[in-house]
């Protein structure tokens, strides 16, 4: 896979994943897994991270030209694995803790959920910011 194809694929994955997480959060709220205040608080934690990352991705995809896509460098398997593993792991982590909170399984109260969410978001932000900066932040000439 080329660097530009990875950028586009990963960018689309991030946007779909962000939408998916917001969707499952909303479904959990509608099924009484979250109170209104819990739903709003959770949204206030996850939305700013999603908005910032999504805008960088939208801008990159918008600015692509077909000649850049065709002439991009090939990436090795380990790099591809690292760049794909982190976002998938994050989506699974958030999905699992939202499910556990919504079903009151394994998470005793909202404070525990909030702690798990903030820790997950922090680790996600630290690792993903590096990935996104490397892929979408303009480190190479356009």
C-alpha atoms as a PDB file:
ATOM      1  CA  UNK A   1       0.000   0.000   0.000  1.00  0.00           C
ATOM      2  CA  UNK A   2       1.273   3.455  -0.772  1.00  0.00           C
ATOM      3  CA  UNK A   3       1.573   6.275   1.743  1.00  0.00           C
ATOM      4  CA  UNK A   4      -1.211   8.300   0.108  1.00  0.00           C
ATOM      5  CA  UNK A   5      -3.567   5.323  -0.137  1.00  0.00           C
ATOM      6  CA  UNK A   6      -2.924   4.627   3.551  1.00  0.00           C
ATOM      7  CA  UNK A   7      -3.703   8.265   4.323  1.00  0.00           C
ATOM      8  CA  UNK A   8      -7.001   8.124   2.490  1.00  0.00           C
ATOM      9  CA  UNK A   9      -7.953   4.684   3.850  1.00  0.00           C
ATOM     10  CA  UNK A  10      -7.027   5.591   7.418  1.00  0.00           C
ATOM     11  CA  UNK A  11      -8.712   8.967   7.085  1.00  0.00           C
ATOM     12  CA  UNK A  12     -11.959   7.375   5.965  1.00  0.00           C
ATOM     13  CA  UNK A  13     -11.640   4.803   8.763  1.00  0.00           C
ATOM     14  CA  UNK A  14     -11.204   7.566  11.379  1.00  0.00           C
ATOM     15  CA  UNK A  15     -14.258   9.443  10.124  1.00  0.00           C
ATOM     16  CA  UNK A  16     -16.400   6.282  10.037  1.00  0.00           C
ATOM     17  CA  UNK A  17     -15.085   5.214  13.462  1.00  0.00           C
ATOM     18  CA  UNK A  18     -15.877   8.596  15.000  1.00  0.00           C
ATOM     19  CA  UNK A  19     -19.383   8.470  13.564  1.00  0.00           C
ATOM     20  CA  UNK A  20     -19.800   4.883  14.798  1.00  0.00           C
ATOM     21  CA  UNK A  21     -18.734   5.758  18.343  1.00  0.00           C
ATOM     22  CA  UNK A  22     -21.127   8.702  18.449  1.00  0.00           C
ATOM     23  CA  UNK A  23     -23.872   6.449  17.061  1.00  0.00           C
ATOM     24  CA  UNK A  24     -23.400   3.719  19.687  1.00  0.00           C
ATOM     25  CA  UNK A  25     -23.264   6.374  22.376  1.00  0.00           C
ATOM     26  CA  UNK A  26     -26.561   7.794  21.123  1.00  0.00           C
ATOM     27  CA  UNK A  27     -28.150   4.332  20.907  1.00  0.00           C
ATOM     28  CA  UNK A  28     -26.973   3.601  24.448  1.00  0.00           C
ATOM     29  CA  UNK A  29     -28.564   6.856  25.581  1.00  0.00           C
ATOM     30  CA  UNK A  30     -31.853   6.032  23.837  1.00  0.00           C
ATOM     31  CA  UNK A  31     -31.913   2.594  25.446  1.00  0.00           C
ATOM     32  CA  UNK A  32     -31.499   4.173  28.897  1.00  0.00           C
ATOM     33  CA  UNK A  33     -27.889   3.047  29.259  1.00  0.00           C
ATOM     34  CA  UNK A  34     -26.895   6.667  29.912  1.00  0.00           C
ATOM     35  CA  UNK A  35     -28.773   9.458  31.623  1.00  0.00           C
ATOM     36  CA  UNK A  36     -29.027  12.785  29.811  1.00  0.00           C
ATOM     37  CA  UNK A  37     -26.220  14.302  31.907  1.00  0.00           C
ATOM     38  CA  UNK A  38     -23.987  11.262  31.360  1.00  0.00           C
ATOM     39  CA  UNK A  39     -24.653  11.395  27.622  1.00  0.00           C
ATOM     40  CA  UNK A  40     -23.804  15.110  27.410  1.00  0.00           C
ATOM     41  CA  UNK A  41     -20.689  14.701  29.576  1.00  0.00           C
ATOM     42  CA  UNK A  42     -19.453  11.793  27.476  1.00  0.00           C
ATOM     43  CA  UNK A  43     -20.073  13.753  24.289  1.00  0.00           C
ATOM     44  CA  UNK A  44     -18.156  16.705  25.726  1.00  0.00           C
ATOM     45  CA  UNK A  45     -15.172  14.402  26.285  1.00  0.00           C
ATOM     46  CA  UNK A  46     -15.100  12.672  22.897  1.00  0.00           C
ATOM     47  CA  UNK A  47     -16.333  15.330  20.453  1.00  0.00           C
ATOM     48  CA  UNK A  48     -13.416  17.795  20.695  1.00  0.00           C
ATOM     49  CA  UNK A  49     -10.866  15.088  19.918  1.00  0.00           C
ATOM     50  CA  UNK A  50     -12.932  13.825  16.999  1.00  0.00           C
ATOM     51  CA  UNK A  51     -13.521  17.296  15.588  1.00  0.00           C
ATOM     52  CA  UNK A  52      -9.846  18.214  15.543  1.00  0.00           C
ATOM     53  CA  UNK A  53      -8.704  14.980  13.945  1.00  0.00           C
ATOM     54  CA  UNK A  54     -11.558  14.908  11.448  1.00  0.00           C
ATOM     55  CA  UNK A  55     -10.805  18.410  10.151  1.00  0.00           C
ATOM     56  CA  UNK A  56      -7.159  17.513   9.446  1.00  0.00           C
ATOM     57  CA  UNK A  57      -8.331  14.421   7.563  1.00  0.00           C
ATOM     58  CA  UNK A  58     -11.044  16.272   5.594  1.00  0.00           C
ATOM     59  CA  UNK A  59      -8.523  18.938   4.569  1.00  0.00           C
ATOM     60  CA  UNK A  60      -6.035  16.332   3.365  1.00  0.00           C
ATOM     61  CA  UNK A  61      -8.597  14.366   1.356  1.00  0.00           C
ATOM     62  CA  UNK A  62     -10.029  17.556  -0.127  1.00  0.00           C
ATOM     63  CA  UNK A  63      -6.592  18.714  -1.321  1.00  0.00           C
ATOM     64  CA  UNK A  64      -5.526  15.438  -2.984  1.00  0.00           C
ATOM     65  CA  UNK A  65      -4.806  15.275  -6.670  1.00  0.00           C
ATOM     66  CA  UNK A  66      -4.809  11.988  -8.595  1.00  0.00           C
ATOM     67  CA  UNK A  67      -1.150  12.450  -9.671  1.00  0.00           C
ATOM     68  CA  UNK A  68      -0.069  12.590  -6.001  1.00  0.00           C
ATOM     69  CA  UNK A  69      -2.014   9.421  -5.239  1.00  0.00           C
ATOM     70  CA  UNK A  70      -0.398   7.537  -8.132  1.00  0.00           C
ATOM     71  CA  UNK A  71       3.199   8.610  -7.301  1.00  0.00           C
ATOM     72  CA  UNK A  72       3.216   7.907  -3.579  1.00  0.00           C
ATOM     73  CA  UNK A  73       5.884   5.772  -1.865  1.00  0.00           C
ATOM     74  CA  UNK A  74       5.219   2.172  -0.790  1.00  0.00           C
ATOM     75  CA  UNK A  75       5.099   1.459   2.948  1.00  0.00           C
ATOM     76  CA  UNK A  76       6.415  -1.630   4.695  1.00  0.00           C
ATOM     77  CA  UNK A  77       4.142  -4.111   6.486  1.00  0.00           C
ATOM     78  CA  UNK A  78       5.223  -3.112   9.992  1.00  0.00           C
ATOM     79  CA  UNK A  79       4.414   0.553   9.365  1.00  0.00           C
ATOM     80  CA  UNK A  80       1.012  -0.375   7.938  1.00  0.00           C
ATOM     81  CA  UNK A  81       0.291  -2.597  10.925  1.00  0.00           C
ATOM     82  CA  UNK A  82       1.265   0.107  13.431  1.00  0.00           C
ATOM     83  CA  UNK A  83      -0.803   2.799  11.725  1.00  0.00           C
ATOM     84  CA  UNK A  84      -3.874   0.582  11.454  1.00  0.00           C
ATOM     85  CA  UNK A  85      -3.631  -1.233  14.822  1.00  0.00           C
ATOM     86  CA  UNK A  86      -3.868   1.888  17.030  1.00  0.00           C
ATOM     87  CA  UNK A  87      -7.150   3.269  15.627  1.00  0.00           C
ATOM     88  CA  UNK A  88      -8.819  -0.132  15.531  1.00  0.00           C
ATOM     89  CA  UNK A  89      -7.787  -0.798  19.130  1.00  0.00           C
ATOM     90  CA  UNK A  90      -9.181   2.558  20.209  1.00  0.00           C
ATOM     91  CA  UNK A  91     -12.539   1.979  18.508  1.00  0.00           C
ATOM     92  CA  UNK A  92     -12.816  -1.424  20.169  1.00  0.00           C
ATOM     93  CA  UNK A  93     -11.856   0.009  23.566  1.00  0.00           C
ATOM     94  CA  UNK A  94     -14.418   2.832  23.423  1.00  0.00           C
ATOM     95  CA  UNK A  95     -17.102   0.467  22.080  1.00  0.00           C
ATOM     96  CA  UNK A  96     -16.485  -1.988  24.907  1.00  0.00           C
ATOM     97  CA  UNK A  97     -16.571   0.587  27.703  1.00  0.00           C
ATOM     98  CA  UNK A  98     -19.714   2.233  26.276  1.00  0.00           C
ATOM     99  CA  UNK A  99     -21.360  -1.207  26.106  1.00  0.00           C
ATOM    100  CA  UNK A 100     -20.256  -2.099  29.646  1.00  0.00           C
ATOM    101  CA  UNK A 101     -21.572   1.194  31.018  1.00  0.00           C
ATOM    102  CA  UNK A 102     -24.837   0.982  29.062  1.00  0.00           C
ATOM    103  CA  UNK A 103     -25.524  -2.537  30.341  1.00  0.00           C
ATOM    104  CA  UNK A 104     -24.185  -1.846  33.856  1.00  0.00           C
ATOM    105  CA  UNK A 105     -21.747  -4.736  33.486  1.00  0.00           C
ATOM    106  CA  UNK A 106     -18.327  -4.370  35.081  1.00  0.00           C
ATOM    107  CA  UNK A 107     -18.494  -0.607  35.510  1.00  0.00           C
ATOM    108  CA  UNK A 108     -20.047   0.302  38.844  1.00  0.00           C
ATOM    109  CA  UNK A 109     -20.867   3.955  38.159  1.00  0.00           C
ATOM    110  CA  UNK A 110     -20.426   6.844  35.779  1.00  0.00           C
ATOM    111  CA  UNK A 111     -17.281   8.069  37.535  1.00  0.00           C
ATOM    112  CA  UNK A 112     -15.528   4.792  36.716  1.00  0.00           C
ATOM    113  CA  UNK A 113     -16.711   5.021  33.120  1.00  0.00           C
ATOM    114  CA  UNK A 114     -15.549   8.610  32.889  1.00  0.00           C
ATOM    115  CA  UNK A 115     -12.130   7.653  34.256  1.00  0.00           C
ATOM    116  CA  UNK A 116     -11.780   4.833  31.730  1.00  0.00           C
ATOM    117  CA  UNK A 117     -12.911   7.143  28.933  1.00  0.00           C
ATOM    118  CA  UNK A 118     -10.480   9.921  29.858  1.00  0.00           C
ATOM    119  CA  UNK A 119      -7.564   7.489  30.158  1.00  0.00           C
ATOM    120  CA  UNK A 120      -8.492   5.946  26.798  1.00  0.00           C
ATOM    121  CA  UNK A 121      -8.853   9.343  25.149  1.00  0.00           C
ATOM    122  CA  UNK A 122      -5.479  10.458  26.547  1.00  0.00           C
ATOM    123  CA  UNK A 123      -3.646   7.391  25.259  1.00  0.00           C
ATOM    124  CA  UNK A 124      -5.519   7.685  21.953  1.00  0.00           C
ATOM    125  CA  UNK A 125      -4.639  11.357  21.607  1.00  0.00           C
ATOM    126  CA  UNK A 126      -0.966  10.742  22.347  1.00  0.00           C
ATOM    127  CA  UNK A 127      -0.568   7.891  19.868  1.00  0.00           C
ATOM    128  CA  UNK A 128      -2.974   9.076  17.201  1.00  0.00           C
ATOM    129  CA  UNK A 129      -1.668  12.626  17.168  1.00  0.00           C
ATOM    130  CA  UNK A 130       1.708  11.244  16.111  1.00  0.00           C
ATOM    131  CA  UNK A 131       0.128   9.084  13.415  1.00  0.00           C
ATOM    132  CA  UNK A 132      -2.060  11.901  12.117  1.00  0.00           C
ATOM    133  CA  UNK A 133       0.742  14.458  12.196  1.00  0.00           C
ATOM    134  CA  UNK A 134       3.023  12.085  10.304  1.00  0.00           C
ATOM    135  CA  UNK A 135       0.374  11.185   7.720  1.00  0.00           C
ATOM    136  CA  UNK A 136      -1.670  14.384   7.459  1.00  0.00           C
ATOM    137  CA  UNK A 137       0.437  17.135   9.022  1.00  0.00           C
ATOM    138  CA  UNK A 138       2.484  18.155   6.011  1.00  0.00           C
ATOM    139  CA  UNK A 139       5.836  16.640   6.980  1.00  0.00           C
ATOM    140  CA  UNK A 140       6.586  15.986   3.340  1.00  0.00           C
ATOM    141  CA  UNK A 141       6.222  18.374   0.451  1.00  0.00           C
ATOM    142  CA  UNK A 142       2.941  18.345  -1.398  1.00  0.00           C
END
